[in-house]
C-alpha atoms as a PDB file:
ATOM      1  CA  MET A   1     -16.351  -0.314 -37.499  1.00  0.00           C
ATOM      2  CA  ALA A   2     -13.137  -0.908 -35.706  1.00  0.00           C
ATOM      3  CA  PRO A   3     -11.612   1.618 -33.454  1.00  0.00           C
ATOM      4  CA  SER A   4      -9.004   4.088 -34.911  1.00  0.00           C
ATOM      5  CA  ARG A   5      -5.941   5.364 -33.681  1.00  0.00           C
ATOM      6  CA  ASN A   6      -7.219   7.719 -31.160  1.00  0.00           C
ATOM      7  CA  CYS A   7      -9.739   5.045 -29.967  1.00  0.00           C
ATOM      8  CA  MET A   8     -12.370   6.844 -32.014  1.00  0.00           C
ATOM      9  CA  ILE A   9     -15.159   4.763 -33.892  1.00  0.00           C
ATOM     10  CA  LEU A  10     -14.882   5.631 -37.712  1.00  0.00           C
ATOM     11  CA  ASN A  11     -17.785   6.669 -39.867  1.00  0.00           C
ATOM     12  CA  PRO A  12     -20.469   5.531 -37.295  1.00  0.00           C
ATOM     13  CA  HIS A  13     -23.854   4.431 -38.718  1.00  0.00           C
ATOM     14  CA  PHE A  14     -25.691   3.674 -35.535  1.00  0.00           C
ATOM     15  CA  HIS A  15     -28.884   1.833 -35.507  1.00  0.00           C
ATOM     16  CA  LYS A  16     -30.545  -0.819 -33.269  1.00  0.00           C
ATOM     17  CA  ASP A  17     -31.150   1.287 -30.248  1.00  0.00           C
ATOM     18  CA  TRP A  18     -27.649   2.800 -30.166  1.00  0.00           C
ATOM     19  CA  GLN A  19     -28.527   4.929 -26.973  1.00  0.00           C
ATOM     20  CA  LYS A  20     -28.508   1.699 -24.907  1.00  0.00           C
ATOM     21  CA  ARG A  21     -24.933   1.021 -25.926  1.00  0.00           C
ATOM     22  CA  VAL A  22     -23.479   4.429 -25.476  1.00  0.00           C
ATOM     23  CA  CYS A  23     -22.322   5.494 -21.866  1.00  0.00           C
ATOM     24  CA  THR A  24     -23.167   8.914 -20.981  1.00  0.00           C
ATOM     25  CA  TRP A  25     -21.889  10.862 -18.054  1.00  0.00           C
ATOM     26  CA  PHE A  26     -24.838  12.841 -17.282  1.00  0.00           C
ATOM     27  CA  ASN A  27     -25.219  11.427 -13.897  1.00  0.00           C
ATOM     28  CA  GLN A  28     -21.656  12.689 -12.879  1.00  0.00           C
ATOM     29  CA  PRO A  29     -22.718  15.444 -10.459  1.00  0.00           C
ATOM     30  CA  ALA A  30     -25.298  13.168  -8.773  1.00  0.00           C
ATOM     31  CA  ARG A  31     -22.628  10.458  -8.334  1.00  0.00           C
ATOM     32  CA  LYS A  32     -20.435  13.110  -6.669  1.00  0.00           C
ATOM     33  CA  LEU A  33     -23.228  13.889  -4.187  1.00  0.00           C
ATOM     34  CA  SER A  34     -24.015  10.254  -3.542  1.00  0.00           C
ATOM     35  CA  ARG A  35     -20.198   9.555  -2.904  1.00  0.00           C
ATOM     36  CA  ARG A  36     -20.089  12.538  -0.558  1.00  0.00           C
ATOM     37  CA  LYS A  37     -23.137  11.388   1.402  1.00  0.00           C
ATOM     38  CA  ALA A  38     -22.004   7.821   1.564  1.00  0.00           C
ATOM     39  CA  SER A  39     -18.705   8.791   3.089  1.00  0.00           C
ATOM     40  CA  GLN A  40     -20.397  11.143   5.552  1.00  0.00           C
ATOM     41  CA  THR A  41     -22.727   8.377   6.866  1.00  0.00           C
ATOM     42  CA  LYS A  42     -19.488   6.182   7.090  1.00  0.00           C
ATOM     43  CA  VAL A  43     -17.992   8.877   9.125  1.00  0.00           C
ATOM     44  CA  ARG A  44     -21.011   8.977  11.471  1.00  0.00           C
ATOM     45  CA  ARG A  45     -21.493   5.245  11.676  1.00  0.00           C
ATOM     46  CA  ILE A  46     -17.831   4.606  12.974  1.00  0.00           C
ATOM     47  CA  ALA A  47     -18.021   7.877  15.010  1.00  0.00           C
ATOM     48  CA  PRO A  48     -14.920   7.876  17.377  1.00  0.00           C
ATOM     49  CA  CYS A  49     -12.760   5.790  14.954  1.00  0.00           C
ATOM     50  CA  PRO A  50     -10.565   7.504  12.453  1.00  0.00           C
ATOM     51  CA  VAL A  51     -11.969   6.644   8.756  1.00  0.00           C
ATOM     52  CA  ALA A  52      -8.459   5.955   7.380  1.00  0.00           C
ATOM     53  CA  GLY A  53      -8.085   2.961   9.796  1.00  0.00           C
ATOM     54  CA  PRO A  54      -6.680   2.606  13.171  1.00  0.00           C
ATOM     55  CA  LEU A  55      -4.196   4.809  14.620  1.00  0.00           C
ATOM     56  CA  ARG A  56      -0.584   3.730  14.253  1.00  0.00           C
ATOM     57  CA  HIS A  57       2.624   5.396  15.263  1.00  0.00           C
ATOM     58  CA  ILE A  58       5.304   6.205  12.795  1.00  0.00           C
ATOM     59  CA  ILE A  59       8.380   4.244  12.937  1.00  0.00           C
ATOM     60  CA  ARG A  60      11.715   4.388  11.172  1.00  0.00           C
ATOM     61  CA  CYS A  61      13.125   0.855  10.161  1.00  0.00           C
ATOM     62  CA  PRO A  62      16.734   0.268  10.465  1.00  0.00           C
ATOM     63  CA  THR A  63      19.073  -0.631   7.367  1.00  0.00           C
ATOM     64  CA  ILE A  64      19.278   0.891   3.910  1.00  0.00           C
ATOM     65  CA  HIS A  65      16.856  -1.667   2.506  1.00  0.00           C
ATOM     66  CA  TYR A  66      13.817  -0.414   4.947  1.00  0.00           C
ATOM     67  CA  HIS A  67      15.066   3.035   4.993  1.00  0.00           C
ATOM     68  CA  LYS A  68      11.564   4.536   4.994  1.00  0.00           C
ATOM     69  CA  VAL A  69       9.218   5.918   7.429  1.00  0.00           C
ATOM     70  CA  HIS A  70       6.349   3.330   8.012  1.00  0.00           C
ATOM     71  CA  THR A  71       3.386   2.818  10.208  1.00  0.00           C
ATOM     72  CA  SER A  72       3.870   0.346  12.914  1.00  0.00           C
ATOM     73  CA  GLN A  73       1.751  -2.827  13.754  1.00  0.00           C
ATOM     74  CA  GLY A  74       0.205  -0.940  16.602  1.00  0.00           C
ATOM     75  CA  PHE A  75       0.903   0.394  19.934  1.00  0.00           C
ATOM     76  CA  SER A  76       2.453  -1.993  22.399  1.00  0.00           C
ATOM     77  CA  LEU A  77       0.487  -3.318  25.191  1.00  0.00           C
ATOM     78  CA  LYS A  78       2.924  -1.473  27.760  1.00  0.00           C
ATOM     79  CA  LYS A  79       2.222   1.846  25.991  1.00  0.00           C
ATOM     80  CA  LEU A  80      -1.525   1.148  26.303  1.00  0.00           C
ATOM     81  CA  LYS A  81      -1.227   0.188  29.906  1.00  0.00           C
ATOM     82  CA  VAL A  82       0.560   3.696  30.627  1.00  0.00           C
ATOM     83  CA  ALA A  83      -2.375   5.440  29.005  1.00  0.00           C
ATOM     84  CA  ASP A  84      -4.902   3.364  31.006  1.00  0.00           C
ATOM     85  CA  ILE A  85      -6.546   1.766  27.902  1.00  0.00           C
ATOM     86  CA  ASN A  86      -7.426  -2.052  27.700  1.00  0.00           C
ATOM     87  CA  LYS A  87      -6.462  -3.697  24.454  1.00  0.00           C
ATOM     88  CA  ARG A  88      -9.943  -4.687  23.447  1.00  0.00           C
ATOM     89  CA  VAL A  89     -11.167  -1.131  24.027  1.00  0.00           C
ATOM     90  CA  ALA A  90      -8.363   0.331  22.090  1.00  0.00           C
ATOM     91  CA  ARG A  91      -9.480  -1.610  19.039  1.00  0.00           C
ATOM     92  CA  THR A  92     -13.105  -0.418  19.387  1.00  0.00           C
ATOM     93  CA  ILE A  93     -12.050   3.279  19.598  1.00  0.00           C
ATOM     94  CA  GLY A  94      -9.845   2.996  16.570  1.00  0.00           C
ATOM     95  CA  ILE A  95      -6.309   2.426  18.054  1.00  0.00           C
ATOM     96  CA  ALA A  96      -4.289  -0.575  16.853  1.00  0.00           C
ATOM     97  CA  ALA A  97      -2.839  -2.676  19.482  1.00  0.00           C
ATOM     98  CA  SER A  98      -0.265  -5.086  18.894  1.00  0.00           C
ATOM     99  CA  ALA A  99       1.209  -7.748  21.425  1.00  0.00           C
ATOM    100  CA  PRO A 100       4.980  -7.631  21.128  1.00  0.00           C
ATOM    101  CA  LYS A 101       6.854 -10.889  20.167  1.00  0.00           C
ATOM    102  CA  LYS A 102       8.081 -12.480  23.405  1.00  0.00           C
ATOM    103  CA  GLY A 103      11.307 -14.404  23.680  1.00  0.00           C
ATOM    104  CA  ASP A 104       9.786 -16.823  26.152  1.00  0.00           C
ATOM    105  CA  SER A 105      12.132 -19.595  25.712  1.00  0.00           C
ATOM    106  CA  ILE A 106      13.041 -21.583  28.849  1.00  0.00           C
ATOM    107  CA  GLU A 107      16.634 -21.132  30.433  1.00  0.00           C
ATOM    108  CA  GLU A 108      17.447 -24.872  29.732  1.00  0.00           C
ATOM    109  CA  GLU A 109      16.598 -24.549  26.072  1.00  0.00           C
ATOM    110  CA  LEU A 110      18.872 -21.521  25.865  1.00  0.00           C
ATOM    111  CA  LYS A 111      21.740 -23.348  27.472  1.00  0.00           C
ATOM    112  CA  MET A 112      21.315 -26.304  25.001  1.00  0.00           C
ATOM    113  CA  ALA A 113      21.311 -23.828  22.065  1.00  0.00           C
ATOM    114  CA  THR A 114      24.858 -23.374  20.631  1.00  0.00           C
ATOM    115  CA  GLN A 115      26.269 -21.203  18.049  1.00  0.00           C
ATOM    116  CA  LEU A 116      27.750 -22.934  15.026  1.00  0.00           C
ATOM    117  CA  PRO A 117      31.479 -21.833  15.197  1.00  0.00           C
ATOM    118  CA  GLY A 118      32.175 -22.131  11.268  1.00  0.00           C
ATOM    119  CA  PRO A 119      30.426 -21.303   8.295  1.00  0.00           C
ATOM    120  CA  VAL A 120      27.245 -23.155   7.524  1.00  0.00           C
ATOM    121  CA  MET A 121      28.017 -24.096   4.168  1.00  0.00           C
ATOM    122  CA  THR A 122      31.625 -24.131   2.984  1.00  0.00           C
ATOM    123  CA  ILE A 123      32.195 -22.942  -0.582  1.00  0.00           C
ATOM    124  CA  LYS A 124      35.010 -24.910  -2.257  1.00  0.00           C
ATOM    125  CA  ASN A 125      36.357 -23.638  -5.522  1.00  0.00           C
ATOM    126  CA  VAL A 126      38.320 -26.553  -7.113  1.00  0.00           C
ATOM    127  CA  HIS A 127      40.392 -25.522  -9.944  1.00  0.00           C
ATOM    128  CA  LYS A 128      42.680 -27.867 -11.796  1.00  0.00           C
ATOM    129  CA  LYS A 129      46.009 -26.165 -12.708  1.00  0.00           C
ATOM    130  CA  GLU A 130      47.051 -26.634 -16.070  1.00  0.00           C
ATOM    131  CA  LYS A 131      50.651 -26.450 -16.978  1.00  0.00           C
ATOM    132  CA  ALA A 132      51.954 -24.332 -19.734  1.00  0.00           C
ATOM    133  CA  HIS A 133      52.325 -26.113 -23.241  1.00  0.00           C
ATOM    134  CA  MET A 134      52.472 -25.334 -26.780  1.00  0.00           C
ATOM    135  CA  ILE A 135      49.355 -24.681 -28.939  1.00  0.00           C
ATOM    136  CA  THR A 136      49.163 -27.487 -31.616  1.00  0.00           C
ATOM    137  CA  LYS A 137      47.663 -27.290 -34.966  1.00  0.00           C
ATOM    138  CA  ASP A 138      44.782 -29.529 -33.971  1.00  0.00           C
ATOM    139  CA  LYS A 139      43.988 -27.157 -31.105  1.00  0.00           C
ATOM    140  CA  LYS A 140      44.093 -24.159 -33.431  1.00  0.00           C
ATOM    141  CA  LYS A 141      41.833 -25.937 -35.973  1.00  0.00           C
ATOM    142  CA  PHE A 142      39.391 -26.811 -33.104  1.00  0.00           C
ATOM    143  CA  LYS A 143      36.010 -24.710 -33.495  1.00  0.00           C
ATOM    144  CA  ALA A 144      34.802 -24.240 -29.925  1.00  0.00           C
ATOM    145  CA  PHE A 145      31.300 -23.045 -30.994  1.00  0.00           C
ATOM    146  CA  THR A 146      30.679 -25.214 -33.965  1.00  0.00           C
ATOM    147  CA  ASN A 147      31.957 -28.626 -32.502  1.00  0.00           C
ATOM    148  CA  PRO A 148      29.282 -28.867 -29.752  1.00  0.00           C
ATOM    149  CA  ARG A 149      26.373 -27.759 -32.175  1.00  0.00           C
ATOM    150  CA  MET A 150      27.491 -30.482 -34.644  1.00  0.00           C
ATOM    151  CA  ALA A 151      27.633 -33.157 -31.896  1.00  0.00           C
ATOM    152  CA  ARG A 152      24.058 -32.165 -31.073  1.00  0.00           C
ATOM    153  CA  ASP A 153      23.020 -32.282 -34.588  1.00  0.00           C
ATOM    154  CA  ASP A 154      24.701 -35.879 -34.962  1.00  0.00           C
ATOM    155  CA  THR A 155      23.022 -37.099 -31.993  1.00  0.00           C
ATOM    156  CA  ARG A 156      19.482 -35.702 -33.131  1.00  0.00           C
ATOM    157  CA  LEU A 157      19.857 -37.102 -36.702  1.00  0.00           C
ATOM    158  CA  PHE A 158      21.636 -40.467 -35.660  1.00  0.00           C
ATOM    159  CA  GLY A 159      19.120 -42.822 -37.080  1.00  0.00           C
ATOM    160  CA  ILE A 160      18.102 -40.660 -40.115  1.00  0.00           C
ATOM    161  CA  GLN A 161      21.726 -40.441 -41.316  1.00  0.00           C
ATOM    162  CA  GLU A 162      22.287 -44.036 -40.898  1.00  0.00           C
ATOM    163  CA  GLY A 163      19.160 -44.727 -43.044  1.00  0.00           C
ATOM    164  CA  LYS A 164      20.535 -42.542 -45.774  1.00  0.00           C
ATOM    165  CA  GLY A 165      23.783 -44.321 -45.956  1.00  0.00           C
ATOM    166  CA  GLY A 166      25.859 -41.975 -43.550  1.00  0.00           C
ATOM    167  CA  CYS A 167      25.204 -38.691 -45.317  1.00  0.00           C
END
């Protein structure tokens, strides 16, 4: 009784309490109601907050790689201060607040930091220049694909060939 091409069960002879093994969808309308009630209770529970998550403003990222409209990490503390909202209070009413990354380096550290003038890792392409020469018969006879394969086979079968008398 394996499933057929269209995932239908062929020639089903159901016994042994088959109703228990068959999934019915008679509870679909009731499920819809219960889902709706659950979402309404969630909305009531987190009343002032937006349901989809905390408020974030839309930003446009630079460069082609990130050339999309994204939501930001959150409103900066300066913007919240202008709106006269505390950082902790903002999170309770559904506004994302993010502290901006600060460049709090000491001036002495900044003076010590120097920019590397040259490239970090130099790339050297070393090519040996060959002189022009005539192609000999041996070079014409040389098989570039077969030769390494034969060498690999010889190393693999070294002891076996020696035992057989160097076949």
